[in-house]
Protein backbone atom coordinates (compact mmCIF):
# COMPACT_ATOMS: atom_id res chain seq x y z
CA MET A 1 0.00 0.00 0.00
CA ALA A 2 1.61 3.25 -1.10
CA GLY A 3 2.88 5.56 1.58
CA ARG A 4 1.86 3.79 4.84
CA ALA A 5 3.80 1.61 7.22
CA THR A 6 2.10 -1.66 8.14
CA SER A 7 -0.52 -0.94 10.76
CA ALA A 8 -1.89 -3.22 13.45
CA THR A 9 -5.23 -1.46 13.41
CA SER A 10 -8.30 -3.37 12.30
CA PRO A 11 -9.89 -2.67 8.92
CA SER A 12 -11.81 0.59 8.97
CA PRO A 13 -15.53 0.83 8.26
CA PRO A 14 -16.64 2.57 5.08
CA LEU A 15 -17.23 6.31 5.12
CA ARG A 16 -20.61 7.17 6.61
CA LEU A 17 -22.23 9.89 4.53
CA ARG A 18 -25.05 11.42 6.55
CA LEU A 19 -27.44 14.02 5.19
CA ARG A 20 -28.63 16.42 7.84
CA SER A 21 -29.42 20.03 8.58
CA PRO A 22 -26.46 22.39 8.81
CA HIS A 23 -28.03 23.67 12.02
CA GLY A 24 -27.79 20.29 13.70
CA ARG A 25 -24.88 18.62 15.44
CA ARG A 26 -21.80 18.45 13.19
CA GLY A 27 -19.62 15.46 12.43
CA PRO A 28 -16.09 15.52 11.04
CA CYS A 29 -17.28 15.34 7.44
CA GLY A 30 -20.72 16.99 7.46
CA PRO A 31 -23.04 18.62 6.64
CA LEU A 32 -24.24 19.25 3.13
CA PRO A 33 -24.93 22.91 2.35
CA ALA A 34 -28.29 24.45 3.34
CA CYS A 35 -31.77 23.79 1.05
CA GLY A 36 -11.41 47.77 0.92
CA GLU A 37 -10.68 49.06 4.07
CA ARG A 38 -8.26 51.85 3.33
CA GLY A 39 -7.33 53.53 0.09
CA CYS A 40 -3.79 52.97 -1.07
CA ALA A 41 -1.73 56.02 -1.79
CA ALA A 42 0.59 55.73 -4.74
CA PRO A 43 3.66 53.84 -3.55
CA PRO A 44 7.08 55.43 -3.90
CA VAL A 45 9.20 55.14 -7.00
CA ILE A 46 12.10 52.80 -6.43
CA PRO A 47 15.57 53.86 -7.60
CA GLY A 48 16.87 51.57 -10.29
CA LEU A 49 13.45 50.08 -10.98
CA VAL A 50 11.69 52.29 -13.46
CA GLY A 51 14.23 51.98 -16.24
CA THR A 52 13.52 48.27 -16.61
CA GLU A 53 9.83 48.17 -15.79
CA ASP A 54 7.08 47.87 -18.39
CA ALA A 55 4.58 50.60 -17.47
CA SER A 56 1.77 48.80 -19.29
CA VAL A 57 1.48 46.36 -16.39
CA LEU A 58 1.37 48.90 -13.58
CA THR A 59 -1.56 50.18 -11.60
CA PRO A 60 -2.59 53.72 -12.62
CA GLU A 61 -0.93 55.24 -9.56
CA ARG A 62 2.39 53.49 -10.17
CA ARG A 63 2.25 54.19 -13.91
CA ALA A 64 1.92 57.91 -13.22
CA HIS A 65 5.03 57.80 -11.10
CA VAL A 66 6.97 55.92 -13.76
CA HIS A 67 6.01 58.35 -16.51
CA ASP A 68 7.01 61.32 -14.37
CA THR A 69 10.44 59.93 -13.57
CA PRO A 70 13.19 61.56 -15.65
CA THR A 71 15.52 58.54 -15.48
CA ILE A 72 13.20 56.25 -17.42
CA ASP A 73 14.37 54.79 -20.73
CA ARG A 74 11.27 55.72 -22.73
CA ARG A 75 12.29 53.94 -25.93
CA THR A 76 12.62 50.66 -24.09
CA LEU A 77 9.45 51.30 -22.15
CA LEU A 78 7.33 52.27 -25.15
CA GLY A 79 8.74 49.39 -27.19
CA GLY A 80 7.61 46.95 -24.54
CA ILE A 81 4.15 48.49 -24.40
CA ALA A 82 3.83 48.50 -28.19
CA THR A 83 4.85 44.86 -28.49
CA ALA A 84 2.39 43.74 -25.83
CA ALA A 85 -0.37 45.87 -27.33
CA ALA A 86 0.25 44.54 -30.83
CA VAL A 87 -0.04 40.94 -29.65
CA ALA A 88 -3.27 41.70 -27.82
CA ALA A 89 -4.79 43.78 -30.64
CA SER A 90 -4.49 41.30 -33.52
CA PRO A 91 -7.62 39.06 -33.59
CA ALA A 92 -5.74 36.04 -34.95
CA ARG A 93 -2.82 36.48 -32.61
CA GLY A 94 -5.22 37.28 -29.79
CA THR A 95 -7.03 33.96 -30.18
CA GLU A 96 -3.74 32.09 -30.30
CA ALA A 97 -2.44 34.06 -27.32
CA ASN A 98 -5.54 33.09 -25.33
CA ALA A 99 -4.88 29.43 -26.08
CA ILE A 100 -1.27 29.85 -24.99
CA THR A 101 -2.08 31.57 -21.70
CA ALA A 102 -4.75 28.97 -20.90
CA ALA A 103 -2.29 26.09 -21.37
CA SER A 104 -0.48 24.34 -18.55
CA ALA A 105 3.27 24.49 -18.07
CA GLY A 106 3.54 20.89 -19.24
CA GLU A 107 1.47 21.57 -22.35
CA LEU A 108 3.59 24.61 -23.17
CA ALA A 109 6.82 22.66 -22.74
CA GLU A 110 5.54 20.00 -25.14
CA ALA A 111 4.29 22.59 -27.64
CA ILE A 112 7.68 24.32 -27.67
CA ARG A 113 9.54 21.02 -28.02
CA SER A 114 7.34 20.02 -30.97
CA ARG A 115 7.66 23.53 -32.53
CA ARG A 116 3.89 24.07 -32.42
CA TYR A 117 4.68 27.29 -30.57
CA SER A 118 7.95 29.10 -30.33
CA ALA A 119 9.26 30.19 -26.95
CA VAL A 120 9.05 33.77 -28.22
CA GLU A 121 5.33 33.37 -28.97
CA VAL A 122 4.71 31.89 -25.55
CA VAL A 123 6.58 34.64 -23.73
CA GLU A 124 4.91 37.42 -25.75
CA ALA A 125 1.46 35.98 -25.07
CA HIS A 126 2.09 35.97 -21.33
CA LEU A 127 3.59 39.46 -21.32
CA ALA A 128 0.49 40.69 -23.15
CA ARG A 129 -1.75 38.97 -20.62
CA ILE A 130 0.14 40.57 -17.73
CA ALA A 131 -0.26 43.95 -19.43
CA ALA A 132 -4.01 43.35 -19.75
CA VAL A 133 -4.81 42.19 -16.21
CA ASN A 134 -2.17 43.61 -13.90
CA PRO A 135 -3.59 47.14 -13.65
CA ARG A 136 -6.61 45.60 -11.92
CA LEU A 137 -4.69 43.08 -9.84
CA ASN A 138 -1.36 44.69 -8.92
CA ALA A 139 0.09 41.18 -8.77
CA VAL A 140 3.31 41.51 -10.80
CA VAL A 141 5.57 44.19 -9.32
CA GLN A 142 8.64 43.73 -11.53
CA VAL A 143 8.35 42.72 -15.19
CA THR A 144 11.55 41.41 -16.77
CA ALA A 145 10.31 41.72 -20.35
CA GLU A 146 13.64 42.40 -22.06
CA SER A 147 15.52 39.50 -20.48
CA ALA A 148 12.52 37.20 -21.01
CA ARG A 149 12.48 38.01 -24.72
CA ARG A 150 16.22 37.43 -25.02
CA GLU A 151 15.99 34.10 -23.24
CA ALA A 152 13.01 33.02 -25.35
CA ALA A 153 14.91 33.78 -28.56
CA ALA A 154 17.89 31.83 -27.22
CA ALA A 155 15.63 28.89 -26.34
CA ASP A 156 14.26 28.79 -29.88
CA ALA A 157 17.76 29.06 -31.35
CA ALA A 158 18.92 26.13 -29.22
CA LEU A 159 16.16 23.91 -30.60
CA ALA A 160 16.95 25.07 -34.13
CA ARG A 161 20.55 23.92 -33.60
CA GLY A 162 19.30 20.50 -32.62
CA GLU A 163 20.03 20.80 -28.91
CA ALA A 164 18.01 18.59 -26.58
CA PRO A 165 15.15 20.47 -24.90
CA LYS A 166 15.20 20.96 -21.16
CA PRO A 167 12.30 19.94 -18.89
CA LEU A 168 10.84 23.46 -18.82
CA HIS A 169 12.32 24.65 -22.11
CA GLY A 170 10.89 28.10 -22.86
CA VAL A 171 8.15 27.88 -20.22
CA PRO A 172 7.37 31.21 -18.48
CA VAL A 173 7.39 31.40 -14.69
CA THR A 174 6.93 34.09 -12.07
CA ILE A 175 8.76 34.40 -8.76
CA LYS A 176 7.56 35.59 -5.35
CA ASP A 177 9.26 38.80 -4.23
CA THR A 178 10.87 37.15 -1.21
CA LEU A 179 13.03 34.89 -3.40
CA GLU A 180 16.13 36.59 -4.76
CA THR A 181 16.63 37.05 -8.49
CA ALA A 182 19.98 38.13 -9.91
CA GLY A 183 19.83 41.66 -11.31
CA VAL A 184 16.16 42.19 -10.41
CA VAL A 185 14.95 44.19 -7.41
CA CYS A 186 13.86 41.97 -4.51
CA THR A 187 12.09 43.90 -1.75
CA GLY A 188 10.41 41.36 0.48
CA GLY A 189 7.67 43.97 0.62
CA THR A 190 9.61 46.31 2.93
CA LEU A 191 10.83 49.85 2.25
CA GLY A 192 14.36 49.17 3.46
CA ARG A 193 14.88 46.81 0.51
CA ALA A 194 13.11 48.98 -2.07
CA GLY A 195 16.26 49.39 -4.15
CA PHE A 196 18.02 46.12 -3.32
CA VAL A 197 19.25 44.20 -6.37
CA PRO A 198 20.58 40.69 -5.57
CA LYS A 199 23.73 39.45 -7.27
CA ALA A 200 22.60 35.83 -7.38
CA ASP A 201 19.43 33.80 -7.80
CA ALA A 202 17.87 31.87 -4.97
CA THR A 203 18.66 28.18 -5.41
CA ALA A 204 15.14 27.28 -6.54
CA VAL A 205 15.12 30.17 -9.04
CA ALA A 206 18.50 29.12 -10.45
CA ARG A 207 17.25 25.55 -10.84
CA LEU A 208 14.15 26.68 -12.73
CA ARG A 209 16.34 28.69 -15.10
CA ALA A 210 18.72 25.76 -15.56
CA ALA A 211 15.72 23.62 -16.53
CA GLY A 212 14.85 26.10 -19.29
CA ALA A 213 12.21 28.21 -17.53
CA ILE A 214 12.00 31.91 -18.39
CA VAL A 215 11.33 34.35 -15.56
CA LEU A 216 8.70 36.95 -16.49
CA GLY A 217 8.87 38.92 -13.26
CA LYS A 218 8.40 39.17 -9.52
CA THR A 219 5.09 39.07 -7.67
CA ASN A 220 3.73 40.97 -4.70
CA VAL A 221 3.90 39.93 -1.04
CA PRO A 222 2.93 41.30 2.36
CA GLU A 223 5.78 42.91 4.28
CA LEU A 224 8.33 40.22 5.20
CA ALA A 225 5.71 37.68 4.05
CA GLY A 226 4.00 38.29 7.39
CA ALA A 227 0.27 38.02 6.65
CA LEU A 228 -2.46 36.10 4.82
CA GLU A 229 -3.24 39.34 2.91
CA THR A 230 -0.91 40.84 0.28
CA ASP A 231 -0.27 44.54 0.86
CA ASN A 232 2.81 46.65 1.59
CA LEU A 233 4.14 50.21 1.42
CA VAL A 234 6.43 49.48 -1.54
CA TYR A 235 3.88 48.27 -4.09
CA GLY A 236 0.44 48.48 -2.50
CA ARG A 237 -2.32 45.90 -2.34
CA THR A 238 -3.01 42.92 -4.59
CA ASN A 239 -6.57 41.98 -5.57
CA ASN A 240 -8.26 38.63 -6.04
CA PRO A 241 -9.06 38.02 -9.74
CA TYR A 242 -12.43 36.47 -8.83
CA ASP A 243 -13.50 39.54 -6.83
CA LEU A 244 -11.31 42.64 -6.73
CA ALA A 245 -12.77 43.61 -3.35
CA ARG A 246 -11.32 40.45 -1.78
CA THR A 247 -7.81 39.35 -0.94
CA PRO A 248 -5.94 36.71 -2.98
CA GLY A 249 -4.37 35.65 0.30
CA GLY A 250 -0.79 35.73 1.40
CA SER A 251 1.94 35.62 1.58
CA SER A 252 2.16 34.28 -2.00
CA GLY A 253 -0.84 36.39 -3.00
CA GLY A 254 0.75 38.02 -6.04
CA GLU A 255 1.71 34.61 -7.40
CA ALA A 256 -1.79 33.23 -6.97
CA ALA A 257 -3.45 36.25 -8.55
CA ILE A 258 -1.34 36.30 -11.71
CA VAL A 259 -1.33 32.51 -12.21
CA ALA A 260 -5.13 32.44 -11.87
CA ALA A 261 -5.41 35.36 -14.30
CA GLY A 262 -3.37 33.56 -16.97
CA GLY A 263 -0.27 35.75 -16.75
CA SER A 264 1.94 32.81 -15.75
CA PRO A 265 1.43 29.05 -15.86
CA LEU A 266 3.72 28.29 -12.92
CA GLY A 267 4.79 30.21 -9.83
CA LEU A 268 7.50 29.79 -7.23
CA GLY A 269 6.43 30.82 -3.75
CA THR A 270 6.84 29.89 -0.11
CA ASP A 271 4.70 28.46 2.68
CA ALA A 272 5.42 29.11 6.35
CA GLY A 273 1.84 28.97 7.64
CA GLY A 274 -0.35 28.33 4.62
CA SER A 275 1.32 30.96 2.44
CA ILE A 276 1.02 28.93 -0.80
CA ARG A 277 -2.04 26.79 0.01
CA VAL A 278 -4.22 29.65 1.27
CA PRO A 279 -3.74 31.75 -1.92
CA ALA A 280 -4.37 28.60 -3.98
CA HIS A 281 -7.64 28.05 -2.09
CA TYR A 282 -8.65 31.70 -2.46
CA CYS A 283 -7.78 31.80 -6.18
CA GLY A 284 -8.88 28.34 -7.34
CA LEU A 285 -5.41 26.92 -8.01
CA ALA A 286 -3.31 23.86 -7.23
CA ALA A 287 -0.39 24.24 -4.83
CA LEU A 288 2.22 22.02 -3.23
CA LYS A 289 3.90 22.58 0.11
CA PRO A 290 6.57 19.87 0.04
CA THR A 291 8.05 17.97 2.94
CA SER A 292 10.19 20.08 5.24
CA GLY A 293 13.75 19.57 3.99
CA ARG A 294 12.84 18.97 0.33
CA ILE A 295 13.58 22.32 -1.42
CA PRO A 296 16.45 24.64 -0.36
CA ARG A 297 15.54 28.01 1.13
CA THR A 298 18.86 29.56 0.06
CA GLY A 299 18.20 33.05 -1.30
CA GLN A 300 14.97 33.59 0.63
CA PHE A 301 14.50 36.95 2.33
CA PRO A 302 14.29 37.11 5.24
CA ARG A 303 16.24 33.93 5.84
CA PRO A 304 14.18 31.68 8.12
CA MET A 305 15.74 31.18 11.53
CA GLY A 306 14.78 29.58 14.80
CA ALA A 307 11.31 28.05 14.88
CA ARG A 308 10.54 29.37 11.37
CA ASN A 309 13.37 27.21 10.06
CA SER A 310 11.20 24.14 10.63
CA VAL A 311 7.88 25.50 9.36
CA PHE A 312 9.17 27.33 6.27
CA HIS A 313 8.96 25.69 2.82
CA VAL A 314 9.75 26.87 -0.71
CA SER A 315 6.65 25.82 -2.63
CA LEU A 316 4.94 25.67 -6.03
CA ILE A 317 1.64 26.96 -7.43
CA ALA A 318 -0.05 26.34 -10.80
CA ARG A 319 -3.42 25.85 -12.44
CA ARG A 320 -2.81 22.10 -12.87
CA VAL A 321 -1.64 19.51 -10.36
CA ASP A 322 0.50 17.88 -13.05
CA ASP A 323 2.57 21.07 -13.29
CA LEU A 324 3.45 20.77 -9.62
CA ALA A 325 4.69 17.24 -10.28
CA LEU A 326 6.64 18.47 -13.32
CA ALA A 327 8.43 21.25 -11.43
CA LEU A 328 9.14 19.50 -8.12
CA PRO A 329 12.10 17.38 -9.36
CA VAL A 330 13.59 20.52 -10.89
CA VAL A 331 13.81 22.46 -7.62
CA ALA A 332 14.21 19.68 -5.03
CA GLY A 333 17.38 18.34 -3.46
CA PRO A 334 20.41 19.56 -1.49
CA ASP A 335 22.35 22.64 -2.57
CA PHE A 336 25.01 22.24 0.16
CA SER A 337 24.13 25.66 1.51
CA ASP A 338 20.84 25.01 3.31
CA TYR A 339 21.82 22.42 5.93
CA THR A 340 18.22 21.29 6.49
CA ILE A 341 17.76 19.76 3.02
CA VAL A 342 17.78 15.97 2.77
CA ASP A 343 18.62 13.97 -0.34
CA MET A 344 15.51 11.81 -0.41
CA PRO A 345 14.20 10.12 -3.57
CA LEU A 346 11.21 11.54 -5.41
CA ARG A 347 8.55 9.11 -6.64
CA ASP A 348 6.25 9.45 -9.61
CA PRO A 349 2.65 10.26 -8.61
CA ARG A 350 1.44 8.51 -11.77
CA ALA A 351 2.67 5.23 -10.29
CA VAL A 352 0.52 5.52 -7.16
CA VAL A 353 -2.42 3.09 -7.08
CA LEU A 354 -5.33 4.78 -5.34
CA ARG A 355 -7.45 1.71 -4.69
CA GLY A 356 -6.73 0.40 -1.22
CA LEU A 357 -5.17 3.56 0.18
CA LYS A 358 -6.46 4.58 3.57
CA LEU A 359 -7.62 8.18 4.05
CA ALA A 360 -8.65 10.08 7.17
CA CYS A 361 -10.92 13.07 6.65
CA PHE A 362 -12.32 15.87 8.78
CA ASP A 363 -13.96 19.18 8.05
CA ASP A 364 -13.91 20.76 11.52
CA ASP A 365 -10.69 21.07 13.51
CA GLY A 366 -12.60 21.84 16.71
CA ALA A 367 -11.32 25.41 16.89
CA SER A 368 -12.94 27.09 13.88
CA ALA A 369 -16.07 25.63 12.29
CA PRO A 370 -16.22 25.68 8.48
CA THR A 371 -18.94 27.29 6.41
CA PRO A 372 -21.57 24.83 5.16
CA GLU A 373 -20.08 25.06 1.66
CA ILE A 374 -16.57 24.22 2.86
CA ALA A 375 -17.98 21.28 4.81
CA ALA A 376 -19.87 20.12 1.72
CA ALA A 377 -16.66 20.32 -0.32
CA ILE A 378 -14.94 17.95 2.10
CA ARG A 379 -17.87 15.53 1.93
CA SER A 380 -17.82 15.61 -1.85
CA ALA A 381 -14.06 15.04 -1.98
CA ALA A 382 -14.35 12.18 0.52
CA ARG A 383 -17.08 10.60 -1.59
CA ALA A 384 -14.93 10.89 -4.73
CA PHE A 385 -12.08 9.11 -2.97
CA ALA A 386 -14.37 6.39 -1.64
CA GLU A 387 -15.72 5.81 -5.15
CA ALA A 388 -12.11 5.40 -6.36
CA GLY A 389 -11.60 2.53 -3.93
CA LEU A 390 -9.97 4.30 -1.00
CA ALA A 391 -10.89 3.30 2.54
CA VAL A 392 -12.15 6.62 3.91
CA GLU A 393 -12.65 7.21 7.63
CA GLU A 394 -14.03 10.23 9.43
CA ARG A 395 -11.15 10.92 11.79
CA ARG A 396 -9.75 14.20 12.95
CA LEU A 397 -6.04 14.72 13.51
CA PRO A 398 -5.21 14.66 17.22
CA ASP A 399 -4.87 18.12 18.75
CA ALA A 400 -5.93 19.75 15.48
CA ASP A 401 -7.83 22.29 17.56
CA LYS A 402 -4.52 23.37 19.13
CA ALA A 403 -2.60 23.90 15.87
CA ALA A 404 -3.12 27.66 15.58
CA ALA A 405 -2.31 28.27 19.25
CA ILE A 406 0.87 26.19 19.04
CA TYR A 407 1.89 27.91 15.81
CA TYR A 408 1.47 31.39 17.29
CA ASP A 409 3.28 30.28 20.47
CA MET A 410 6.36 29.68 18.31
CA THR A 411 6.30 33.33 17.18
CA PRO A 412 8.48 35.53 19.41
CA GLY A 413 6.27 37.01 22.12
CA ASP A 414 8.17 40.27 22.22
CA GLY A 415 5.57 42.67 20.86
CA GLY A 416 7.47 42.58 17.58
CA ALA A 417 10.56 44.21 19.13
CA GLY A 418 13.02 41.85 17.46
CA THR A 419 11.42 42.25 14.04
CA ARG A 420 11.28 46.02 14.40
CA ALA A 421 14.99 46.09 15.26
CA PHE A 422 15.75 43.98 12.20
CA LEU A 423 13.70 46.28 9.96
CA ARG A 424 15.52 49.34 11.31
CA SER A 425 18.83 47.63 10.60
CA ILE A 426 17.98 47.32 6.89
CA GLY A 427 16.65 50.87 6.62
CA THR A 428 12.90 50.36 6.95
CA ASP A 429 11.66 53.43 8.80
CA ARG A 430 7.94 52.86 8.18
CA ILE A 431 5.99 49.63 8.56
CA SER A 432 2.81 48.86 6.65
CA PRO A 433 -0.43 49.00 8.68
CA LEU A 434 -1.01 45.34 7.83
CA PHE A 435 2.37 44.27 9.22
CA GLU A 436 1.91 46.55 12.22
CA GLN A 437 -1.17 44.47 13.07
CA SER A 438 0.93 41.33 12.86
CA LEU A 439 3.68 42.69 15.09
CA SER A 440 1.29 44.17 17.62
CA SER A 441 -0.44 40.81 17.99
CA ARG A 442 2.76 39.33 19.45
CA ALA A 443 2.12 40.35 23.04
CA ALA A 444 5.27 40.97 25.05
CA PRO A 445 5.46 39.27 28.47
CA ALA A 446 6.10 41.36 31.57
CA MET A 447 9.56 39.79 31.71
CA PRO A 448 11.34 37.13 29.64
CA ASP A 449 10.41 33.62 30.74
CA ILE A 450 12.64 30.83 29.45
CA THR A 451 10.42 28.27 31.17
CA ALA A 452 7.41 29.40 29.12
CA ALA A 453 9.46 29.27 25.92
CA LEU A 454 10.62 25.73 26.65
CA ALA A 455 7.05 24.72 27.46
CA ALA A 456 5.94 26.03 24.05
CA PHE A 457 8.56 23.91 22.30
CA ASN A 458 7.54 20.89 24.34
CA ARG A 459 3.91 21.38 23.28
CA TRP A 460 5.05 21.52 19.65
CA ASP A 461 7.05 18.29 20.04
CA ALA A 462 4.09 16.53 21.67
CA PHE A 463 1.82 17.77 18.88
CA ARG A 464 4.13 16.40 16.16
CA ASN A 465 4.56 13.08 17.93
CA ALA A 466 0.81 12.59 18.35
CA GLN A 467 0.08 13.44 14.74
CA LEU A 468 2.81 11.18 13.36
CA ALA A 469 1.49 8.29 15.45
CA PHE A 470 -1.98 8.95 14.04
CA LEU A 471 -0.70 9.07 10.45
CA HIS A 472 0.90 5.64 10.92
CA GLY A 473 -2.57 4.20 10.33
CA TYR A 474 -3.30 6.16 7.15
CA ASP A 475 -1.81 7.10 3.82
CA ALA A 476 -3.16 10.65 3.78
CA VAL A 477 -5.45 13.16 5.49
CA LEU A 478 -8.14 15.26 3.79
CA SER A 479 -9.23 18.57 5.34
CA PRO A 480 -10.11 22.16 4.49
CA VAL A 481 -7.31 24.57 3.64
CA LEU A 482 -9.26 27.17 5.61
CA PRO A 483 -12.84 27.07 6.93
CA TYR A 484 -13.95 30.03 4.78
CA VAL A 485 -13.47 31.45 1.28
CA ALA A 486 -11.44 34.56 0.42
CA PRO A 487 -12.56 37.40 2.70
CA PRO A 488 -12.73 41.13 1.94
CA HIS A 489 -9.56 43.20 2.02
CA GLY A 490 -8.36 44.30 5.42
CA THR A 491 -9.89 41.50 7.48
CA SER A 492 -7.06 38.96 7.67
CA PHE A 493 -6.29 39.74 11.34
CA ASP A 494 -9.88 39.31 12.46
CA PRO A 495 -9.62 36.92 15.46
CA MET A 496 -12.07 34.45 13.91
CA LEU A 497 -10.05 34.31 10.68
CA GLN A 498 -6.83 33.92 12.65
CA ARG A 499 -8.21 30.87 14.46
CA GLY A 500 -9.16 29.35 11.12
CA ALA A 501 -5.54 29.43 9.95
CA GLY A 502 -4.83 26.35 12.07
CA TYR A 503 -6.06 24.05 9.28
CA ALA A 504 -3.15 25.16 7.09
CA GLN A 505 -0.62 25.76 9.88
CA ASN A 506 -1.07 22.19 11.09
CA HIS A 507 1.02 20.82 8.23
CA ASN A 508 3.72 23.45 8.68
CA LEU A 509 4.09 22.33 12.28
CA THR A 510 4.44 18.67 11.22
CA GLY A 511 6.41 19.33 8.04
CA TRP A 512 4.21 16.95 6.03
CA PRO A 513 3.73 17.48 2.29
CA ALA A 514 0.32 18.91 1.42
CA VAL A 515 -1.43 19.62 -1.88
CA ALA A 516 -4.30 22.10 -2.25
CA VAL A 517 -6.77 21.67 -5.14
CA ARG A 518 -9.97 23.44 -6.16
CA VAL A 519 -13.11 21.31 -5.86
CA GLY A 520 -15.97 23.80 -5.95
CA THR A 521 -17.38 27.32 -5.90
CA SER A 522 -19.20 29.23 -3.16
CA HIS A 523 -22.53 30.97 -3.61
CA GLU A 524 -20.56 34.24 -3.95
CA GLY A 525 -18.66 32.78 -6.90
CA MET A 526 -15.43 32.30 -4.96
CA PRO A 527 -13.25 29.19 -5.35
CA ILE A 528 -13.25 26.46 -2.72
CA GLY A 529 -10.18 24.28 -2.30
CA VAL A 530 -9.33 21.34 -0.07
CA GLN A 531 -5.97 19.98 1.01
CA VAL A 532 -4.53 16.48 1.17
CA ALA A 533 -1.47 15.80 3.34
CA ALA A 534 0.65 12.65 3.17
CA HIS A 535 3.57 10.99 4.93
CA PRO A 536 6.91 12.81 4.98
CA TRP A 537 8.71 12.42 1.63
CA ARG A 538 5.54 11.07 -0.03
CA GLU A 539 4.69 14.03 -2.21
CA ASP A 540 3.78 11.43 -4.83
CA VAL A 541 0.81 10.25 -2.75
CA ALA A 542 -0.42 13.80 -2.09
CA LEU A 543 -0.03 14.71 -5.77
CA ALA A 544 -1.77 11.52 -6.93
CA LEU A 545 -4.73 12.28 -4.69
CA GLY A 546 -4.71 15.86 -5.95
CA ARG A 547 -4.79 14.59 -9.54
CA HIS A 548 -7.86 12.51 -8.70
CA LEU A 549 -9.61 15.54 -7.23
CA LYS A 550 -8.83 17.51 -10.37
CA ALA A 551 -10.23 14.71 -12.53
CA SER A 552 -13.34 14.43 -10.34
CA PHE A 553 -14.21 18.11 -9.99
CA GLY A 554 -12.58 19.78 -12.98
CA GLY A 555 -9.94 21.75 -11.11
CA PHE A 556 -9.21 25.28 -12.23
CA SER A 557 -11.93 27.49 -13.71
CA PRO A 558 -10.79 30.93 -14.96
CA PRO A 559 -11.90 34.13 -13.25
CA PRO A 560 -14.18 36.64 -15.01
CA LEU A 561 -11.45 39.12 -15.93
């Protein structure tokens, strides 16, 4: 049986699917569903940025700043705008461009290999799409159009010379603005880094490039990736493509928004507390948080330290589960810089046999009850797995109701003093209101208490031990990503929403691999995703189950942009 050690437990009964009123007593997999806070001022112009930025993709406020800046290279800028506009304006090219931007990363790689599309065509189509949607989303904050065009031409020339194609040959990608990119501004969403240009790529970025991927640009984040909403003083706020009045999540919110909008088929992000899975859930995408120790964090800003070292994961997001499986082998494995990375084999999710796998499922973690529609999504997913031959049991992870409290206990309880000192050291003199909420929530004790800190770590250890013992009897666990759909802007620190984050944070605390996949739509028209977590190092099982959910429910459905 794939992914599970032999268990001494007796065979489990089949899943009990009970139909009852949402107002009645809840079970772990029931019931079926019933019969902009502040305006954003224009962010500051960043030295060294405007000369390389394509103004056609900026929000109106940022575009005004770019046009008023005397250092801008207008010929380069206008050439980029004209090229993108020409691609979008031609009916024939427009239809072809739509087909290109709707394709998966794997489909694009195959089309480029077979010469059905050139890499140049693929890159131009995505640049045009970014130009069309980004003014409404503010998702892409740096567009590397010139280098992308050069690399696309080089990719086509390599194929013309008969060179063997690479796994992601000519495929466009976007990168979260906490992962460093050589020669391209990387801010981490904080003013002190507004003009910082890294000299080297983050390991995962370098590996994508080495596999033939072409970086189109950087995507927006909350300050220091510190919220489930994407907003900062450098670039402003990012909107959800399904409803501009709602958040795309965080901290990989810019990635989710532009991938959902068709501006990129594949995104590289991070997940320290749901930061890739929450945006995937909010924006109807597929995302993979791998096992802790799978993908190097080298080149991440800020570099995870202390407790965050264990919960932090470089992660992937796409419209198709198969693209996650395609990209994972490219970015995984030791780089001999991040000491936490383990050289463990990767298995093919296509080889996983679903029939006979044992799945635990729950829709309520005991701390934050889901909406009826989220609960119904879990029931539907559980039914789809049962129909595929899995043994599905309604079982909740032990101490799931404590996940959020344990996660927040591992955050320094210093009132944000340490983080503020770090920000001052890099030149950040103003903190975004969103991040101020995050820092202020870290209540400082009357005096340092090492005993309390050790007790928090002991609770975390006990939590991980209990959950691993539970997982010994199962191959995977199905649960909500969050108990609600994407909320309005400015509400991410509402206490009720904070409690709900425990569903996602649970798998950061354990380090298990988890895949998020869309399975439905709320009555407001917002995507609903679920997550499946598997044993450590068994991304193949999580991805295989994600593929089945995609096949059962259709997966991604484009937003009405």
